[in-house]
């Protein structure tokens, strides 16, 4: 994970970051680079994720 940014607005927080998921299918490995956004809500029991979104970052030519 990198480029993490956190913005807190009272009882709501927005977190954005870049991440690489390493997925293995049998002997094959795929790496998916994504921009990830998490939306948190502060409750009586602490912070809870209420929404999650993933967008694949542009693929580069090899």
C-alpha atoms as a PDB file:
ATOM      1  CA  UNK A   1       0.000   0.000   0.000  1.00  0.00           C
ATOM      2  CA  UNK A   2       1.199   3.493  -0.715  1.00  0.00           C
ATOM      3  CA  UNK A   3       0.015   7.051  -1.274  1.00  0.00           C
ATOM      4  CA  UNK A   4      -2.481   6.678   1.576  1.00  0.00           C
ATOM      5  CA  UNK A   5      -4.563   9.787   2.252  1.00  0.00           C
ATOM      6  CA  UNK A   6      -7.040  10.098   5.120  1.00  0.00           C
ATOM      7  CA  UNK A   7      -9.673  12.824   5.475  1.00  0.00           C
ATOM      8  CA  UNK A   8     -11.853  12.932   8.604  1.00  0.00           C
ATOM      9  CA  UNK A   9     -15.104  14.915   8.709  1.00  0.00           C
ATOM     10  CA  UNK A  10     -16.643  14.524  12.177  1.00  0.00           C
ATOM     11  CA  UNK A  11     -18.174  11.003  12.088  1.00  0.00           C
ATOM     12  CA  UNK A  12     -17.154  10.166   8.502  1.00  0.00           C
ATOM     13  CA  UNK A  13     -13.672   9.367   7.196  1.00  0.00           C
ATOM     14  CA  UNK A  14     -12.486   8.798   3.630  1.00  0.00           C
ATOM     15  CA  UNK A  15      -9.312   6.789   2.944  1.00  0.00           C
ATOM     16  CA  UNK A  16      -7.684   6.510  -0.492  1.00  0.00           C
ATOM     17  CA  UNK A  17      -4.607   4.469  -1.373  1.00  0.00           C
ATOM     18  CA  UNK A  18      -2.847   2.547  -4.124  1.00  0.00           C
ATOM     19  CA  UNK A  19      -2.373  -1.168  -3.662  1.00  0.00           C
ATOM     20  CA  UNK A  20      -1.188  -4.228  -5.585  1.00  0.00           C
ATOM     21  CA  UNK A  21      -3.116  -7.477  -5.239  1.00  0.00           C
ATOM     22  CA  UNK A  22      -1.125 -10.635  -6.025  1.00  0.00           C
ATOM     23  CA  UNK A  23      -3.496 -13.336  -7.252  1.00  0.00           C
ATOM     24  CA  UNK A  24      -2.396 -16.912  -7.880  1.00  0.00           C
ATOM     25  CA  UNK A  25      -4.292 -19.213 -10.244  1.00  0.00           C
ATOM     26  CA  UNK A  26      -2.617 -22.604 -10.136  1.00  0.00           C
ATOM     27  CA  UNK A  27       0.965 -21.790 -11.152  1.00  0.00           C
ATOM     28  CA  UNK A  28       0.037 -18.443 -12.751  1.00  0.00           C
ATOM     29  CA  UNK A  29       0.473 -15.174 -10.851  1.00  0.00           C
ATOM     30  CA  UNK A  30      -1.438 -12.001 -11.720  1.00  0.00           C
ATOM     31  CA  UNK A  31      -0.730  -8.608 -10.148  1.00  0.00           C
ATOM     32  CA  UNK A  32      -3.579  -6.088 -10.165  1.00  0.00           C
ATOM     33  CA  UNK A  33      -2.692  -2.475  -9.319  1.00  0.00           C
ATOM     34  CA  UNK A  34      -5.625  -0.494  -7.950  1.00  0.00           C
ATOM     35  CA  UNK A  35      -6.764   2.803  -6.505  1.00  0.00           C
ATOM     36  CA  UNK A  36      -8.793   1.868  -3.440  1.00  0.00           C
ATOM     37  CA  UNK A  37     -11.295   4.031  -1.552  1.00  0.00           C
ATOM     38  CA  UNK A  38     -12.755   3.179   1.858  1.00  0.00           C
ATOM     39  CA  UNK A  39     -15.534   5.154   3.545  1.00  0.00           C
ATOM     40  CA  UNK A  40     -15.773   4.831   7.331  1.00  0.00           C
ATOM     41  CA  UNK A  41     -18.550   5.829   9.746  1.00  0.00           C
ATOM     42  CA  UNK A  42     -17.845   6.407  13.447  1.00  0.00           C
ATOM     43  CA  UNK A  43     -20.330   4.457  15.581  1.00  0.00           C
ATOM     44  CA  UNK A  44     -20.694   3.817  19.299  1.00  0.00           C
ATOM     45  CA  UNK A  45     -18.609   0.660  18.703  1.00  0.00           C
ATOM     46  CA  UNK A  46     -15.801   2.417  16.804  1.00  0.00           C
ATOM     47  CA  UNK A  47     -15.050   3.079  13.138  1.00  0.00           C
ATOM     48  CA  UNK A  48     -16.810   0.796  10.635  1.00  0.00           C
ATOM     49  CA  UNK A  49     -16.320   0.480   6.871  1.00  0.00           C
ATOM     50  CA  UNK A  50     -19.618   1.371   5.176  1.00  0.00           C
ATOM     51  CA  UNK A  51     -18.392   1.467   1.555  1.00  0.00           C
ATOM     52  CA  UNK A  52     -15.429   0.124  -0.409  1.00  0.00           C
ATOM     53  CA  UNK A  53     -14.495   0.846  -4.036  1.00  0.00           C
ATOM     54  CA  UNK A  54     -11.654  -0.452  -6.248  1.00  0.00           C
ATOM     55  CA  UNK A  55     -10.548   1.015  -9.594  1.00  0.00           C
ATOM     56  CA  UNK A  56      -7.861  -0.688 -11.644  1.00  0.00           C
ATOM     57  CA  UNK A  57      -4.961   1.631 -12.435  1.00  0.00           C
ATOM     58  CA  UNK A  58      -3.786   1.998 -16.031  1.00  0.00           C
ATOM     59  CA  UNK A  59      -1.873  -1.015 -17.271  1.00  0.00           C
ATOM     60  CA  UNK A  60       1.577  -0.384 -18.705  1.00  0.00           C
ATOM     61  CA  UNK A  61       2.772  -2.111 -21.845  1.00  0.00           C
ATOM     62  CA  UNK A  62       5.492  -4.728 -21.287  1.00  0.00           C
END
